[in-house]
Amino acid sequence: MDTQIEKRFKVWQWRTIIVTMLGYAFFYFVRKNFSFAMPGLAAEYGISNTSFGIVMTIVGLVYGFSRYFNGILADRMNARYHMSIGLALCALASLAFGFMPALLGIEIGKAPHILIVAFAILLVLNNIFQGSGFPPCARLLSHWIPPQELATKQSIWNTSHSIGASILAILCGFIMGNMGSDVSSSRQDVDKITYNYVTTLFKDDVKKSDGEINKVVKVCTPKAVESGYEVDVRYTLKANPTDTLLKTYDFSQENFLAVKAVVDKAAEEKREVSSSEIATQCNIDKAQAKATLAIVTRTEHTGAWMWSFWIPGLIALVGAVGLFALLRDTPKSVGLPELEMTKTALDNEKDDAAARRAYVQKMVYKNPIIWVLAFANFFVYVVRFSVLDWGPKFLTEACNMSFEKAAAAVFAFEIMAILGTLVAGWATDRFFAGRAHRTCLWCMVGAGAAMGGFYMFYLHPGMVPDWALIGILAMAGFFVYGPQALIGIAASNQATKKAAATANGLVGIFGYLSTAVSGVGVGWLADKYGWNYVFIGVLIMAVVGVAVFSTIWGARRDGYEKANE
């Protein structure tokens, strides 16, 4: 290229990087908002972790296959239309979420299964459209960035995941903690929320306050609504499982109002209130204080979850318009030449379908390195989604954080992910000569160490303050987003620009097959055995990921030499 063309190429290169970064960040606004709505949905409608997990597994698989088929489509379609139309459809699906209970006529505490099915249908549609987000970007970047710069520049681009998720975390944290209405004046609604809490979360909470429970004998017997908020809960302690005397908690109207008074006073003084303080002031034991505090918290800001769909949906809709206005396709679409070092034998073929199929077979489906990257992606995504999808829920339930603190933890996770992604991309080009798979191995070692540290702190509640828990979770984000970004870069380089989107689609399927573990697996483990076993499982997944990456340590940087053989 001469100087003028090179200068113009650089301008369009960075314009493409920045516009697709922002566009993909908007996809996250209407993809991960469901995770922030889950605590509110669980409180108001009694939806269990297992049910949430099943839904997330289904939609994760749908997204994986959608990304694969959109990858095939992206290698043939103009990225400008592909991305902007897909984002607009995702935004419309998000807006529909918030209206679903009203459209179905569902009140608080009623018909959770109908609501789950309705949400599942909308989530499936949303994730079909979400598949049009990443593949066009993978294709464009391999056209606009040479292989020796791809790790660094695509790592910059890959911060779009974390930019979108971190801004969404702050936005939804504010929404869930400040919007909605207080239903404590409605005896019927409080009774339903109390019932939802006792049947889904009470056992796990009391375990942490009152010793090991053998079994809940009478999980919940709600009395007549007219009698107030009275709910009778009975269980036996594991220390004496044959004891016929049951310990009983009675969530009466009197206890509820007493705890609420303490909470309201603390809110006026702009401070947090502990279960120990409540136990002392209300003359109840710590376990019941903890449980009643959880119920009081869940009666505030009801309906806030709807705004977690409406506001991000409107923002994404505006983003879709901007994406259509600013994005263009390959260098040829703006009158610029293709990069010389990325030319392949396929560049000389003019729409030869047979030659294209043979090329894709050779560079993707018969390429063992692509398959190892795909398999490794499974374990990377288990770790990533276990934190990203379940973070707001396990931090509020297992670590007793407020909505705002849980959102801040996810924000810190994503901010450190941005830094980790940039460092990983720079280290790949600086120390490993573009061999992204080598950086991935060391990143997974770091992610495993961080999750191990988080688990040790979780086992000893009160040993460290909340900010330390948030910090070590953020370090997990720093390390796990390295391979999340670099696997796509490695796949693009190995498959070359002519099959980059297809390769990323295949690798993506394996990433989203992981939702069978990070979705229903995590939900079932949390409901059946508690969050303790969830963290053990995530740690094991990180260790296996290290082992898989080690098998391709000696692989070459890219597949352009192979493509021209």
Protein backbone atom coordinates (compact mmCIF):
# COMPACT_ATOMS: atom_id res chain seq x y z
CA MET A 1 0.00 0.00 0.00
CA ASP A 2 1.17 3.54 -0.65
CA THR A 3 1.20 6.05 2.22
CA GLN A 4 -2.20 7.61 1.52
CA ILE A 5 -3.97 4.27 1.15
CA GLU A 6 -2.25 2.94 4.27
CA LYS A 7 -3.35 5.99 6.26
CA ARG A 8 -6.94 5.61 5.04
CA PHE A 9 -6.83 1.89 5.80
CA LYS A 10 -5.75 2.61 9.42
CA VAL A 11 -8.63 5.06 9.88
CA TRP A 12 -11.16 2.48 8.67
CA GLN A 13 -9.46 -0.28 10.66
CA TRP A 14 -9.90 1.58 13.95
CA ARG A 15 -13.39 2.75 12.99
CA THR A 16 -14.36 -0.90 12.43
CA ILE A 17 -12.80 -1.99 15.72
CA ILE A 18 -14.51 0.77 17.75
CA VAL A 19 -17.94 0.50 16.12
CA THR A 20 -18.07 -3.29 16.44
CA MET A 21 -16.84 -2.99 20.06
CA LEU A 22 -19.71 -0.69 20.94
CA GLY A 23 -22.17 -2.76 18.95
CA TYR A 24 -21.23 -5.98 20.72
CA ALA A 25 -21.34 -4.23 24.11
CA PHE A 26 -24.98 -3.37 23.37
CA PHE A 27 -25.67 -7.06 22.68
CA TYR A 28 -24.60 -7.72 26.29
CA PHE A 29 -27.10 -5.13 27.55
CA VAL A 30 -29.94 -7.36 26.36
CA ARG A 31 -28.29 -10.69 27.04
CA LYS A 32 -27.01 -10.64 30.62
CA ASN A 33 -29.76 -8.52 32.19
CA PHE A 34 -31.68 -11.72 32.96
CA SER A 35 -29.00 -12.66 35.53
CA PHE A 36 -29.63 -9.43 37.45
CA ALA A 37 -33.38 -9.96 37.34
CA MET A 38 -33.18 -13.49 38.77
CA PRO A 39 -33.08 -12.56 42.51
CA GLY A 40 -36.20 -10.42 42.07
CA LEU A 41 -37.99 -13.11 40.07
CA ALA A 42 -37.09 -15.74 42.69
CA ALA A 43 -38.42 -13.55 45.51
CA GLU A 44 -41.67 -12.59 43.80
CA TYR A 45 -42.56 -15.82 42.01
CA GLY A 46 -40.68 -18.55 43.90
CA ILE A 47 -38.64 -19.70 40.90
CA SER A 48 -35.96 -22.17 42.04
CA ASN A 49 -32.26 -22.26 41.09
CA THR A 50 -32.88 -25.54 39.26
CA SER A 51 -35.59 -23.92 37.11
CA PHE A 52 -33.34 -20.96 36.33
CA GLY A 53 -30.54 -23.40 35.51
CA ILE A 54 -32.71 -25.40 33.10
CA VAL A 55 -33.72 -22.20 31.30
CA MET A 56 -30.10 -20.99 31.08
CA THR A 57 -28.95 -24.36 29.76
CA ILE A 58 -31.60 -24.38 27.04
CA VAL A 59 -30.89 -20.82 25.92
CA GLY A 60 -27.13 -21.36 26.15
CA LEU A 61 -27.36 -24.31 23.78
CA VAL A 62 -29.65 -22.33 21.47
CA TYR A 63 -27.13 -19.46 21.44
CA GLY A 64 -24.22 -21.82 20.75
CA PHE A 65 -25.89 -23.32 17.70
CA SER A 66 -27.21 -19.94 16.60
CA ARG A 67 -23.67 -18.57 16.75
CA TYR A 68 -22.45 -21.51 14.69
CA PHE A 69 -25.05 -21.06 11.94
CA ASN A 70 -24.61 -17.29 12.03
CA GLY A 71 -20.87 -17.95 11.64
CA ILE A 72 -21.53 -19.74 8.36
CA LEU A 73 -23.87 -16.91 7.33
CA ALA A 74 -21.38 -14.20 8.39
CA ASP A 75 -18.71 -15.48 5.97
CA ARG A 76 -21.18 -14.71 3.18
CA MET A 77 -23.24 -11.72 4.40
CA ASN A 78 -22.64 -7.98 4.81
CA ALA A 79 -21.77 -7.43 8.49
CA ARG A 80 -23.50 -4.05 8.65
CA TYR A 81 -26.95 -5.55 8.06
CA HIS A 82 -26.21 -8.75 9.95
CA MET A 83 -25.27 -7.08 13.25
CA SER A 84 -27.67 -4.13 13.32
CA ILE A 85 -30.80 -6.14 12.49
CA GLY A 86 -29.84 -8.83 15.02
CA LEU A 87 -29.32 -6.24 17.79
CA ALA A 88 -32.66 -4.58 17.08
CA LEU A 89 -34.48 -7.91 17.39
CA CYS A 90 -32.68 -8.65 20.69
CA ALA A 91 -33.75 -5.25 22.03
CA LEU A 92 -37.40 -5.92 21.15
CA ALA A 93 -37.25 -9.33 22.90
CA SER A 94 -35.85 -7.66 26.05
CA LEU A 95 -38.64 -5.10 26.09
CA ALA A 96 -41.20 -7.91 25.87
CA PHE A 97 -39.77 -9.59 29.01
CA GLY A 98 -40.91 -6.85 31.34
CA PHE A 99 -44.50 -7.00 30.10
CA MET A 100 -44.85 -10.79 30.37
CA PRO A 101 -46.50 -11.12 33.85
CA ALA A 102 -49.05 -8.43 32.97
CA LEU A 103 -49.77 -10.01 29.58
CA LEU A 104 -50.29 -13.42 31.22
CA GLY A 105 -52.23 -11.96 34.15
CA ILE A 106 -49.81 -13.45 36.71
CA GLU A 107 -49.73 -11.99 40.22
CA ILE A 108 -46.90 -12.19 42.75
CA GLY A 109 -46.39 -15.75 43.96
CA LYS A 110 -48.66 -17.36 41.38
CA ALA A 111 -48.13 -19.65 38.37
CA PRO A 112 -44.30 -19.70 38.32
CA HIS A 113 -44.22 -22.57 35.81
CA ILE A 114 -46.29 -20.64 33.27
CA LEU A 115 -43.99 -17.67 33.72
CA ILE A 116 -40.86 -19.83 33.37
CA VAL A 117 -42.14 -21.28 30.08
CA ALA A 118 -42.96 -17.79 28.78
CA PHE A 119 -39.51 -16.51 29.76
CA ALA A 120 -37.87 -19.57 28.21
CA ILE A 121 -39.62 -18.90 24.88
CA LEU A 122 -38.53 -15.25 24.88
CA LEU A 123 -35.00 -16.18 25.92
CA VAL A 124 -34.77 -18.74 23.11
CA LEU A 125 -35.84 -16.10 20.58
CA ASN A 126 -33.43 -13.58 22.08
CA ASN A 127 -30.52 -16.00 21.88
CA ILE A 128 -31.32 -16.95 18.30
CA PHE A 129 -30.91 -13.25 17.48
CA GLN A 130 -27.86 -12.95 19.80
CA GLY A 131 -26.00 -15.34 17.48
CA SER A 132 -25.71 -12.48 14.99
CA GLY A 133 -23.41 -10.54 17.34
CA PHE A 134 -19.95 -12.12 17.44
CA PRO A 135 -19.56 -13.96 14.05
CA PRO A 136 -19.72 -10.80 11.88
CA CYS A 137 -17.13 -9.21 14.20
CA ALA A 138 -14.78 -12.23 13.94
CA ARG A 139 -14.99 -12.06 10.17
CA LEU A 140 -14.46 -8.29 9.96
CA LEU A 141 -11.47 -8.24 12.30
CA SER A 142 -9.65 -10.95 10.34
CA HIS A 143 -10.15 -8.84 7.19
CA TRP A 144 -8.99 -5.58 8.75
CA ILE A 145 -6.14 -6.74 11.07
CA PRO A 146 -2.99 -8.68 9.98
CA PRO A 147 -2.25 -11.97 11.86
CA GLN A 148 0.81 -10.62 13.67
CA GLU A 149 -1.32 -7.83 15.22
CA LEU A 150 -4.55 -9.75 15.72
CA ALA A 151 -3.95 -10.86 19.34
CA THR A 152 -3.26 -7.33 20.56
CA LYS A 153 -5.96 -5.53 18.58
CA GLN A 154 -8.66 -8.16 18.91
CA SER A 155 -7.96 -8.26 22.65
CA ILE A 156 -8.72 -4.53 22.68
CA TRP A 157 -11.91 -5.33 20.79
CA ASN A 158 -12.73 -8.18 23.15
CA THR A 159 -13.07 -5.76 26.06
CA SER A 160 -16.50 -5.05 24.53
CA HIS A 161 -17.80 -8.07 26.50
CA SER A 162 -16.66 -6.57 29.77
CA ILE A 163 -17.56 -2.98 28.88
CA GLY A 164 -21.13 -4.06 28.16
CA ALA A 165 -21.41 -6.35 31.20
CA SER A 166 -19.78 -3.90 33.65
CA ILE A 167 -21.96 -0.95 32.64
CA LEU A 168 -24.98 -3.26 32.77
CA ALA A 169 -23.96 -4.40 36.28
CA ILE A 170 -23.96 -0.84 37.60
CA LEU A 171 -27.17 0.02 35.76
CA CYS A 172 -29.07 -3.08 36.94
CA GLY A 173 -27.60 -2.83 40.46
CA PHE A 174 -29.07 0.66 40.70
CA ILE A 175 -32.38 -0.49 39.22
CA MET A 176 -32.74 -3.49 41.54
CA GLY A 177 -31.75 -1.49 44.63
CA ASN A 178 -33.75 1.69 44.00
CA MET A 179 -36.71 1.09 41.69
CA GLY A 180 -39.89 -0.91 42.09
CA SER A 181 -42.32 -0.72 45.03
CA ASP A 182 -42.49 -1.82 48.68
CA VAL A 183 -45.26 -4.41 49.23
CA SER A 184 -44.92 -4.62 53.02
CA SER A 185 -48.33 -2.95 53.36
CA SER A 186 -49.94 -5.90 51.55
CA ARG A 187 -50.35 -8.88 53.87
CA GLN A 188 -51.15 -11.19 50.99
CA ASP A 189 -48.06 -10.29 48.95
CA VAL A 190 -45.73 -10.47 51.97
CA ASP A 191 -47.15 -13.89 52.86
CA LYS A 192 -46.42 -15.10 49.31
CA ILE A 193 -42.87 -13.71 49.33
CA THR A 194 -42.30 -15.32 52.75
CA TYR A 195 -43.53 -18.65 51.39
CA ASN A 196 -41.26 -18.33 48.34
CA TYR A 197 -38.24 -17.61 50.53
CA VAL A 198 -38.88 -20.44 52.98
CA THR A 199 -39.40 -23.05 50.27
CA THR A 200 -36.32 -22.08 48.25
CA LEU A 201 -33.64 -20.42 50.40
CA PHE A 202 -34.41 -20.85 54.08
CA LYS A 203 -32.63 -24.18 54.58
CA ASP A 204 -29.33 -22.93 53.14
CA ASP A 205 -29.45 -19.69 55.14
CA VAL A 206 -30.17 -21.36 58.48
CA LYS A 207 -27.35 -23.84 57.88
CA LYS A 208 -24.89 -20.97 57.98
CA SER A 209 -26.44 -19.52 61.15
CA ASP A 210 -27.60 -22.46 63.22
CA GLY A 211 -25.50 -25.53 62.45
CA GLU A 212 -26.07 -28.42 60.04
CA ILE A 213 -29.69 -29.36 59.32
CA ASN A 214 -30.66 -32.99 58.90
CA LYS A 215 -33.89 -32.30 57.03
CA VAL A 216 -36.78 -29.88 56.96
CA VAL A 217 -39.68 -31.91 58.26
CA LYS A 218 -42.38 -29.40 57.52
CA VAL A 219 -40.90 -27.03 54.98
CA CYS A 220 -43.64 -24.46 55.16
CA THR A 221 -47.22 -24.32 56.37
CA PRO A 222 -48.66 -20.92 55.54
CA LYS A 223 -51.60 -20.05 57.77
CA ALA A 224 -54.65 -18.12 56.68
CA VAL A 225 -53.80 -14.80 55.10
CA GLU A 226 -56.22 -13.09 57.45
CA SER A 227 -54.03 -14.06 60.43
CA GLY A 228 -51.11 -12.01 59.19
CA TYR A 229 -47.71 -13.04 57.84
CA GLU A 230 -47.53 -16.19 59.96
CA VAL A 231 -45.51 -19.02 58.42
CA ASP A 232 -44.55 -22.07 60.48
CA VAL A 233 -41.14 -23.62 59.65
CA ARG A 234 -39.80 -26.75 61.34
CA TYR A 235 -36.60 -28.74 60.92
CA THR A 236 -34.32 -31.19 62.78
CA LEU A 237 -30.65 -30.64 63.44
CA LYS A 238 -28.09 -33.04 61.98
CA ALA A 239 -26.40 -33.44 65.36
CA ASN A 240 -29.40 -35.41 66.59
CA PRO A 241 -31.35 -36.71 63.56
CA THR A 242 -33.48 -39.12 65.63
CA ASP A 243 -34.76 -36.39 67.92
CA THR A 244 -38.54 -36.10 67.63
CA LEU A 245 -38.50 -32.59 69.03
CA LEU A 246 -38.45 -30.18 66.12
CA LYS A 247 -37.04 -26.69 66.20
CA THR A 248 -39.70 -24.25 65.04
CA TYR A 249 -39.56 -20.75 63.62
CA ASP A 250 -42.71 -18.71 63.37
CA PHE A 251 -42.53 -15.82 60.90
CA SER A 252 -45.31 -13.79 62.46
CA GLN A 253 -46.57 -10.37 61.49
CA GLU A 254 -45.15 -9.02 64.74
CA ASN A 255 -41.62 -10.30 63.98
CA PHE A 256 -41.77 -9.08 60.39
CA LEU A 257 -42.76 -5.54 61.38
CA ALA A 258 -40.16 -5.43 64.18
CA VAL A 259 -37.34 -6.41 61.80
CA LYS A 260 -38.61 -4.01 59.14
CA ALA A 261 -38.49 -1.16 61.66
CA VAL A 262 -34.80 -1.88 62.37
CA VAL A 263 -34.04 -2.08 58.64
CA ASP A 264 -35.87 1.17 57.86
CA LYS A 265 -34.05 3.01 60.65
CA ALA A 266 -30.68 1.80 59.37
CA ALA A 267 -31.64 2.93 55.85
CA GLU A 268 -32.45 6.42 57.16
CA GLU A 269 -29.01 6.48 58.79
CA LYS A 270 -27.47 5.28 55.48
CA ARG A 271 -25.86 2.18 56.96
CA GLU A 272 -26.24 -1.58 56.60
CA VAL A 273 -27.85 -3.68 59.29
CA SER A 274 -26.57 -7.11 60.36
CA SER A 275 -28.57 -10.15 61.45
CA SER A 276 -26.79 -9.98 64.82
CA GLU A 277 -28.10 -6.45 65.39
CA ILE A 278 -31.60 -7.56 64.45
CA ALA A 279 -31.41 -10.58 66.76
CA THR A 280 -30.47 -8.33 69.68
CA GLN A 281 -33.02 -5.59 69.04
CA CYS A 282 -35.92 -7.91 68.19
CA ASN A 283 -35.13 -10.56 70.81
CA ILE A 284 -34.98 -13.47 68.35
CA ASP A 285 -32.14 -15.89 67.61
CA LYS A 286 -29.60 -15.16 64.88
CA ALA A 287 -30.89 -17.73 62.38
CA GLN A 288 -34.44 -16.39 62.49
CA ALA A 289 -33.13 -12.82 62.37
CA LYS A 290 -31.15 -13.67 59.24
CA ALA A 291 -34.15 -15.31 57.59
CA THR A 292 -36.59 -12.52 58.49
CA LEU A 293 -34.11 -9.92 57.25
CA ALA A 294 -33.98 -11.76 53.91
CA ILE A 295 -37.78 -11.70 53.70
CA VAL A 296 -37.98 -7.99 54.54
CA THR A 297 -35.37 -7.26 51.85
CA ARG A 298 -37.38 -9.23 49.29
CA THR A 299 -40.55 -7.25 49.97
CA GLU A 300 -38.79 -4.05 48.89
CA HIS A 301 -38.25 -2.99 45.25
CA THR A 302 -40.72 -5.54 43.87
CA GLY A 303 -41.16 -5.14 40.14
CA ALA A 304 -37.68 -3.61 39.78
CA TRP A 305 -36.65 -6.62 37.67
CA MET A 306 -38.99 -5.40 34.88
CA TRP A 307 -36.94 -2.21 34.52
CA SER A 308 -33.83 -4.39 34.19
CA PHE A 309 -35.33 -5.44 30.84
CA TRP A 310 -36.96 -2.20 29.72
CA ILE A 311 -34.11 0.27 30.21
CA PRO A 312 -31.30 -1.87 28.66
CA GLY A 313 -33.71 -2.81 25.84
CA LEU A 314 -34.29 0.84 24.92
CA ILE A 315 -30.55 1.58 25.05
CA ALA A 316 -29.81 -1.40 22.77
CA LEU A 317 -32.47 -0.26 20.30
CA VAL A 318 -30.72 3.09 19.97
CA GLY A 319 -27.42 1.22 19.62
CA ALA A 320 -28.80 -0.82 16.70
CA VAL A 321 -29.60 2.40 14.81
CA GLY A 322 -26.09 3.72 15.45
CA LEU A 323 -24.53 0.44 14.35
CA PHE A 324 -26.38 0.54 11.03
CA ALA A 325 -25.34 4.15 10.45
CA LEU A 326 -21.62 3.77 11.22
CA LEU A 327 -20.55 0.21 10.33
CA ARG A 328 -19.27 -0.93 6.92
CA ASP A 329 -18.10 -4.33 5.65
CA THR A 330 -14.67 -5.48 4.37
CA PRO A 331 -11.93 -3.20 2.93
CA LYS A 332 -13.30 -3.81 -0.57
CA SER A 333 -16.66 -2.28 0.44
CA VAL A 334 -14.96 1.10 1.00
CA GLY A 335 -12.62 0.91 -1.98
CA LEU A 336 -9.51 -0.37 -0.15
CA PRO A 337 -7.31 -3.37 -0.98
CA GLU A 338 -7.28 -6.57 1.12
CA LEU A 339 -4.28 -7.17 3.40
CA GLU A 340 -1.45 -8.75 1.39
CA MET A 341 -0.32 -11.20 4.08
CA THR A 342 -3.83 -12.64 4.52
CA LYS A 343 -4.35 -13.67 0.91
CA THR A 344 -5.26 -17.31 0.33
CA ALA A 345 -5.87 -19.56 -2.63
CA LEU A 346 -9.58 -18.87 -2.17
CA ASP A 347 -9.05 -15.18 -2.97
CA ASN A 348 -8.53 -16.17 -6.58
CA GLU A 349 -11.80 -18.09 -6.75
CA LYS A 350 -14.90 -16.14 -7.72
CA ASP A 351 -17.89 -17.42 -5.74
CA ASP A 352 -16.85 -21.04 -6.31
CA ALA A 353 -19.06 -22.89 -3.80
CA ALA A 354 -17.20 -26.19 -4.17
CA ALA A 355 -13.81 -24.55 -3.56
CA ARG A 356 -15.18 -22.72 -0.52
CA ARG A 357 -16.60 -25.94 0.97
CA ALA A 358 -13.32 -27.77 0.45
CA TYR A 359 -11.38 -24.90 2.02
CA VAL A 360 -13.63 -24.80 5.10
CA GLN A 361 -13.38 -28.57 5.49
CA LYS A 362 -9.60 -28.41 5.41
CA MET A 363 -9.11 -25.37 7.64
CA VAL A 364 -11.89 -25.98 10.18
CA TYR A 365 -13.49 -29.42 10.33
CA LYS A 366 -10.33 -31.43 9.57
CA ASN A 367 -8.07 -29.19 11.63
CA PRO A 368 -7.19 -30.89 14.98
CA ILE A 369 -6.07 -27.60 16.56
CA ILE A 370 -9.54 -26.11 16.01
CA TRP A 371 -11.11 -29.11 17.78
CA VAL A 372 -8.76 -28.83 20.78
CA LEU A 373 -9.55 -25.11 21.04
CA ALA A 374 -13.24 -25.93 20.91
CA PHE A 375 -12.92 -28.55 23.67
CA ALA A 376 -10.89 -26.13 25.83
CA ASN A 377 -13.53 -23.46 25.30
CA PHE A 378 -16.05 -25.68 27.10
CA PHE A 379 -14.09 -25.46 30.38
CA VAL A 380 -13.30 -21.76 30.00
CA TYR A 381 -16.99 -20.96 29.63
CA VAL A 382 -18.02 -23.10 32.61
CA VAL A 383 -15.81 -20.93 34.83
CA ARG A 384 -16.85 -17.69 33.14
CA PHE A 385 -20.61 -18.30 33.12
CA SER A 386 -20.70 -19.75 36.62
CA VAL A 387 -19.60 -16.31 37.84
CA LEU A 388 -21.25 -14.08 35.23
CA ASP A 389 -24.68 -15.79 35.13
CA TRP A 390 -24.96 -16.75 38.78
CA GLY A 391 -22.83 -14.03 40.39
CA PRO A 392 -25.66 -11.69 41.49
CA LYS A 393 -27.57 -14.65 42.95
CA PHE A 394 -24.81 -16.51 44.79
CA LEU A 395 -23.34 -13.27 46.17
CA THR A 396 -26.71 -12.20 47.62
CA GLU A 397 -27.61 -15.70 48.84
CA ALA A 398 -24.32 -17.42 49.72
CA CYS A 399 -22.28 -14.36 50.74
CA ASN A 400 -25.14 -12.23 52.13
CA MET A 401 -24.32 -9.17 50.02
CA SER A 402 -26.84 -6.49 49.12
CA PHE A 403 -28.01 -6.07 45.51
CA GLU A 404 -25.73 -3.05 45.19
CA LYS A 405 -22.65 -4.87 46.51
CA ALA A 406 -23.34 -7.92 44.34
CA ALA A 407 -23.61 -5.63 41.30
CA ALA A 408 -20.37 -3.93 42.35
CA ALA A 409 -18.69 -7.36 42.52
CA VAL A 410 -19.80 -8.21 38.98
CA PHE A 411 -18.67 -4.73 37.87
CA ALA A 412 -15.22 -5.35 39.44
CA PHE A 413 -15.11 -8.79 37.79
CA GLU A 414 -15.73 -7.20 34.39
CA ILE A 415 -13.37 -4.25 34.90
CA MET A 416 -10.54 -6.63 35.81
CA ALA A 417 -11.60 -8.73 32.82
CA ILE A 418 -10.90 -5.72 30.58
CA LEU A 419 -7.42 -5.35 32.04
CA GLY A 420 -6.81 -9.11 31.88
CA THR A 421 -7.91 -9.27 28.24
CA LEU A 422 -5.57 -6.45 27.25
CA VAL A 423 -2.64 -7.94 29.17
CA ALA A 424 -3.27 -11.38 27.67
CA GLY A 425 -3.34 -10.00 24.12
CA TRP A 426 -0.19 -7.95 24.66
CA ALA A 427 1.63 -10.91 26.29
CA THR A 428 0.65 -13.17 23.38
CA ASP A 429 2.32 -10.95 20.78
CA ARG A 430 5.17 -9.84 23.05
CA PHE A 431 6.28 -13.13 24.63
CA PHE A 432 4.67 -15.95 22.62
CA ALA A 433 5.01 -14.63 19.04
CA GLY A 434 1.23 -14.64 18.52
CA ARG A 435 0.70 -18.18 19.88
CA ALA A 436 -2.48 -17.40 21.79
CA HIS A 437 -2.97 -20.97 23.04
CA ARG A 438 0.16 -20.66 25.22
CA THR A 439 -1.17 -17.58 26.98
CA CYS A 440 -4.49 -19.39 27.52
CA LEU A 441 -2.79 -22.11 29.56
CA TRP A 442 -1.25 -19.66 32.03
CA CYS A 443 -4.50 -17.70 32.27
CA MET A 444 -6.42 -20.83 33.26
CA VAL A 445 -3.85 -21.53 35.97
CA GLY A 446 -4.51 -18.06 37.37
CA ALA A 447 -8.31 -18.45 37.12
CA GLY A 448 -8.15 -21.74 39.01
CA ALA A 449 -6.01 -20.19 41.75
CA ALA A 450 -8.43 -17.24 42.14
CA MET A 451 -11.51 -19.47 42.38
CA GLY A 452 -9.67 -21.65 44.90
CA GLY A 453 -9.00 -18.57 47.02
CA PHE A 454 -12.64 -17.48 46.78
CA TYR A 455 -13.77 -20.93 47.90
CA MET A 456 -11.46 -20.87 50.94
CA PHE A 457 -12.86 -17.49 52.00
CA TYR A 458 -16.42 -18.74 51.47
CA LEU A 459 -15.73 -21.66 53.84
CA HIS A 460 -14.83 -19.21 56.60
CA PRO A 461 -17.53 -16.50 56.62
CA GLY A 462 -16.50 -13.36 58.42
CA MET A 463 -12.80 -14.15 57.94
CA VAL A 464 -12.47 -11.43 55.30
CA PRO A 465 -14.54 -8.30 54.56
CA ASP A 466 -16.79 -8.05 51.51
CA TRP A 467 -14.24 -5.95 49.61
CA ALA A 468 -11.69 -8.80 49.84
CA LEU A 469 -14.25 -11.30 48.45
CA ILE A 470 -15.01 -8.88 45.63
CA GLY A 471 -11.28 -8.43 44.99
CA ILE A 472 -10.49 -12.13 44.63
CA LEU A 473 -13.54 -12.64 42.40
CA ALA A 474 -12.27 -9.77 40.28
CA MET A 475 -8.93 -11.58 39.90
CA ALA A 476 -10.82 -14.59 38.55
CA GLY A 477 -12.25 -12.20 35.92
CA PHE A 478 -8.74 -10.92 35.13
CA PHE A 479 -7.56 -14.42 34.26
CA VAL A 480 -10.61 -16.14 32.76
CA TYR A 481 -11.28 -13.48 30.12
CA GLY A 482 -7.79 -13.98 28.65
CA PRO A 483 -8.61 -17.40 27.16
CA GLN A 484 -12.19 -16.33 26.47
CA ALA A 485 -10.77 -13.71 24.09
CA LEU A 486 -7.71 -15.56 22.84
CA ILE A 487 -9.47 -18.79 21.84
CA GLY A 488 -11.44 -16.81 19.26
CA ILE A 489 -8.24 -15.12 18.08
CA ALA A 490 -6.43 -18.45 17.83
CA ALA A 491 -9.36 -19.96 15.91
CA SER A 492 -9.42 -17.01 13.48
CA ASN A 493 -5.68 -17.31 12.85
CA GLN A 494 -5.75 -21.09 12.46
CA ALA A 495 -8.73 -21.06 10.07
CA THR A 496 -7.59 -17.85 8.22
CA LYS A 497 -9.82 -14.92 7.29
CA LYS A 498 -11.82 -16.97 4.77
CA ALA A 499 -13.14 -19.36 7.44
CA ALA A 500 -12.70 -17.31 10.63
CA ALA A 501 -16.42 -16.90 11.35
CA THR A 502 -17.14 -20.59 10.74
CA ALA A 503 -14.28 -21.63 13.03
CA ASN A 504 -15.48 -19.26 15.74
CA GLY A 505 -18.99 -20.60 15.32
CA LEU A 506 -17.76 -24.16 15.88
CA VAL A 507 -15.65 -23.16 18.87
CA GLY A 508 -18.62 -21.21 20.20
CA ILE A 509 -20.87 -24.29 20.18
CA PHE A 510 -18.54 -25.98 22.65
CA GLY A 511 -18.44 -22.85 24.77
CA TYR A 512 -22.22 -22.82 25.05
CA LEU A 513 -22.53 -26.57 25.50
CA SER A 514 -20.94 -25.69 28.84
CA THR A 515 -24.30 -24.29 29.96
CA ALA A 516 -25.31 -27.89 30.67
CA VAL A 517 -22.86 -27.53 33.57
CA SER A 518 -22.94 -23.79 34.33
CA GLY A 519 -26.73 -23.66 33.91
CA VAL A 520 -28.77 -26.60 35.14
CA GLY A 521 -25.72 -28.20 36.80
CA VAL A 522 -25.03 -25.17 38.98
CA GLY A 523 -28.73 -24.63 39.72
CA TRP A 524 -29.25 -28.25 40.76
CA LEU A 525 -26.10 -28.32 42.91
CA ALA A 526 -27.09 -25.08 44.64
CA ASP A 527 -30.62 -26.35 45.40
CA LYS A 528 -29.61 -29.88 46.39
CA TYR A 529 -26.29 -29.43 48.22
CA GLY A 530 -25.70 -25.69 48.56
CA TRP A 531 -23.26 -23.24 46.97
CA ASN A 532 -20.28 -24.99 48.56
CA TYR A 533 -20.34 -27.77 45.95
CA VAL A 534 -20.82 -25.27 43.14
CA PHE A 535 -17.48 -23.62 43.92
CA ILE A 536 -15.73 -27.02 44.11
CA GLY A 537 -17.12 -27.91 40.68
CA VAL A 538 -15.94 -24.63 39.12
CA LEU A 539 -12.46 -25.20 40.52
CA ILE A 540 -12.31 -28.69 38.98
CA MET A 541 -13.37 -27.28 35.59
CA ALA A 542 -10.49 -24.78 35.71
CA VAL A 543 -7.96 -27.55 36.40
CA VAL A 544 -9.23 -29.66 33.47
CA GLY A 545 -9.02 -26.58 31.23
CA VAL A 546 -5.32 -26.25 32.05
CA ALA A 547 -4.76 -29.88 31.05
CA VAL A 548 -6.52 -29.44 27.69
CA PHE A 549 -4.56 -26.31 26.73
CA SER A 550 -1.29 -28.07 27.54
CA THR A 551 -1.88 -30.56 24.67
CA ILE A 552 -1.38 -27.86 21.97
CA TRP A 553 1.53 -25.98 23.53
CA GLY A 554 3.70 -26.67 20.45
CA ALA A 555 1.11 -25.66 17.80
CA ARG A 556 2.05 -22.95 15.24
CA ARG A 557 0.64 -19.42 15.30
CA ASP A 558 -1.68 -19.48 12.27
CA GLY A 559 -2.90 -21.57 9.36
CA TYR A 560 -1.92 -19.41 6.37
CA GLU A 561 0.98 -21.69 5.51
CA LYS A 562 -1.32 -24.70 5.64
CA ALA A 563 -3.95 -22.86 3.57
CA ASN A 564 -1.52 -22.44 0.68
CA GLU A 565 -0.12 -25.99 0.73
